[in-house]
Amino acid sequence: MTDTPPTLTALTAYLLSRIGKTARGQVAARLGERDLRFWHMSMLAALADFGPHSQRELGTRLGIDPSDVVKALDELTAAGWAERTRDPADRRKVRVVVTPEGRAALAGMVRDTEVLQDGLLAPLNPRERARLHDLLLKVFERP
């Protein structure tokens, strides 16, 4: 029997969890085709949206373990998508910036994710999609 118990489908937390797991799995699989992980996309997005960061700030902003930040940044810099430089204000700090190639790579990742998102949200019309996004953002941004 494959029907989900109504007791579970009555719980918004359950629905969010299941849909989130599906979405994350699809995006992870697409990124994996390029030998990438979510943290690569997350770091490029943070650098593109907020500008240069120290490695520590980047990890804190994204909730990524410092050792994983170093590994991911090694991969991003090897690909030419990010650069590490000394912070001119404090030479002890390493500053990370996104390169033009990194911005282009991020744009491709975002386009791929939007295609997957369109498939996942196919049952909703554009107005419903916008409303769902607004509601999820409201919950996400709650202090």
Protein backbone atom coordinates (compact mmCIF):
# COMPACT_ATOMS: atom_id res chain seq x y z
CA MET A 1 0.00 0.00 0.00
CA THR A 2 1.47 3.38 -1.01
CA ASP A 3 -1.07 5.88 0.32
CA THR A 4 0.30 8.30 2.88
CA PRO A 5 -1.69 8.31 6.12
CA PRO A 6 -4.06 11.30 6.32
CA THR A 7 -2.78 11.94 9.84
CA LEU A 8 0.57 12.84 8.24
CA THR A 9 -0.76 14.78 5.25
CA ALA A 10 -2.74 16.93 7.72
CA LEU A 11 0.58 18.13 9.15
CA THR A 12 2.14 21.03 7.28
CA ALA A 13 5.52 20.15 8.80
CA TYR A 14 5.29 16.69 7.25
CA LEU A 15 4.39 18.10 3.82
CA LEU A 16 7.22 20.64 3.97
CA SER A 17 9.64 17.90 4.96
CA ARG A 18 8.62 15.55 2.15
CA ILE A 19 8.52 18.22 -0.54
CA GLY A 20 11.78 19.70 0.73
CA LYS A 21 13.45 16.30 0.63
CA THR A 22 12.29 15.79 -2.95
CA ALA A 23 13.44 19.26 -4.02
CA ARG A 24 16.80 18.93 -2.29
CA GLY A 25 17.37 15.50 -3.82
CA GLN A 26 16.62 16.75 -7.32
CA VAL A 27 18.86 19.81 -6.99
CA ALA A 28 21.64 17.75 -5.40
CA ALA A 29 21.46 15.24 -8.25
CA ARG A 30 21.64 18.01 -10.86
CA LEU A 31 24.59 19.65 -9.11
CA GLY A 32 26.21 16.24 -8.73
CA GLU A 33 26.23 15.87 -12.51
CA ARG A 34 28.85 18.66 -12.43
CA ASP A 35 30.65 17.27 -9.36
CA LEU A 36 29.15 20.07 -7.28
CA ARG A 37 27.30 20.18 -3.98
CA PHE A 38 24.84 22.59 -2.40
CA TRP A 39 27.58 24.35 -0.51
CA HIS A 40 29.26 25.37 -3.78
CA MET A 41 26.05 27.02 -4.96
CA SER A 42 25.42 28.54 -1.51
CA MET A 43 28.90 30.05 -1.28
CA LEU A 44 28.77 31.51 -4.78
CA ALA A 45 25.32 32.96 -4.03
CA ALA A 46 26.49 34.54 -0.77
CA LEU A 47 29.56 36.05 -2.44
CA ALA A 48 27.54 37.29 -5.42
CA ASP A 49 24.72 38.71 -3.30
CA PHE A 50 26.65 40.14 -0.33
CA GLY A 51 30.16 40.72 -1.66
CA PRO A 52 33.52 39.63 -0.26
CA HIS A 53 33.63 37.58 2.94
CA SER A 54 36.29 36.15 5.15
CA GLN A 55 36.23 32.36 5.14
CA ARG A 56 34.92 32.41 8.71
CA GLU A 57 32.12 34.87 7.86
CA LEU A 58 31.11 32.76 4.89
CA GLY A 59 30.87 29.62 7.02
CA THR A 60 28.94 31.43 9.73
CA ARG A 61 26.50 33.01 7.28
CA LEU A 62 25.76 29.65 5.63
CA GLY A 63 26.05 27.37 8.68
CA ILE A 64 28.89 25.38 7.11
CA ASP A 65 31.65 23.80 9.20
CA PRO A 66 34.97 25.66 8.80
CA SER A 67 36.78 22.59 7.44
CA ASP A 68 34.06 22.15 4.82
CA VAL A 69 34.34 25.84 3.91
CA VAL A 70 38.05 25.38 3.20
CA LYS A 71 37.44 22.27 1.10
CA ALA A 72 34.63 23.88 -0.92
CA LEU A 73 36.63 27.06 -1.45
CA ASP A 74 39.60 25.01 -2.62
CA GLU A 75 37.29 23.50 -5.25
CA LEU A 76 35.76 26.85 -6.21
CA THR A 77 39.16 28.50 -6.58
CA ALA A 78 40.49 25.54 -8.59
CA ALA A 79 37.54 26.00 -10.97
CA GLY A 80 38.30 29.74 -11.22
CA TRP A 81 34.95 30.64 -9.68
CA ALA A 82 36.28 32.32 -6.52
CA GLU A 83 39.51 33.97 -5.46
CA ARG A 84 41.17 34.23 -2.08
CA THR A 85 43.14 37.37 -1.28
CA ARG A 86 44.51 38.95 1.87
CA ASP A 87 42.11 41.43 3.42
CA PRO A 88 43.68 44.87 2.97
CA ALA A 89 42.24 46.01 6.32
CA ASP A 90 43.66 43.01 8.22
CA ARG A 91 46.38 41.04 6.44
CA ARG A 92 45.80 38.08 8.79
CA LYS A 93 42.38 37.48 7.24
CA VAL A 94 41.68 35.79 3.94
CA ARG A 95 39.03 37.52 1.87
CA VAL A 96 37.01 35.54 -0.67
CA VAL A 97 35.42 37.06 -3.78
CA VAL A 98 33.40 35.57 -6.61
CA THR A 99 34.90 35.84 -10.10
CA PRO A 100 32.99 36.63 -13.29
CA GLU A 101 33.28 32.92 -14.16
CA GLY A 102 31.80 32.12 -10.76
CA ARG A 103 28.86 34.43 -11.40
CA ALA A 104 28.26 32.70 -14.73
CA ALA A 105 28.46 29.27 -13.10
CA LEU A 106 26.01 30.40 -10.40
CA ALA A 107 23.60 31.67 -13.05
CA GLY A 108 23.66 28.22 -14.66
CA MET A 109 23.01 26.53 -11.32
CA VAL A 110 20.10 28.88 -10.66
CA ARG A 111 18.63 28.20 -14.13
CA ASP A 112 18.89 24.44 -13.56
CA THR A 113 17.24 24.80 -10.16
CA GLU A 114 14.43 26.90 -11.62
CA VAL A 115 13.72 24.17 -14.19
CA LEU A 116 13.52 21.58 -11.41
CA GLN A 117 11.40 23.95 -9.34
CA ASP A 118 8.98 24.38 -12.26
CA GLY A 119 8.52 20.62 -12.40
CA LEU A 120 8.00 20.34 -8.66
CA LEU A 121 5.46 23.17 -8.63
CA ALA A 122 3.71 22.15 -11.85
CA PRO A 123 0.33 21.65 -10.10
CA LEU A 124 0.30 25.35 -9.14
CA ASN A 125 -0.53 28.30 -11.37
CA PRO A 126 1.82 31.33 -11.35
CA ARG A 127 -0.26 33.20 -8.79
CA GLU A 128 -0.31 30.19 -6.45
CA ARG A 129 3.46 29.77 -6.86
CA ALA A 130 4.05 33.40 -5.94
CA ARG A 131 1.76 33.08 -2.91
CA LEU A 132 3.49 29.89 -1.78
CA HIS A 133 6.87 31.58 -2.11
CA ASP A 134 5.69 34.62 -0.14
CA LEU A 135 4.32 32.45 2.67
CA LEU A 136 7.44 30.28 2.85
CA LEU A 137 9.64 33.37 2.87
CA LYS A 138 7.58 34.82 5.72
CA VAL A 139 8.14 31.68 7.79
CA PHE A 140 11.82 31.49 6.77
CA GLU A 141 12.52 35.10 7.78
CA ARG A 142 10.78 34.83 11.13
CA PRO A 143 13.13 35.97 13.92
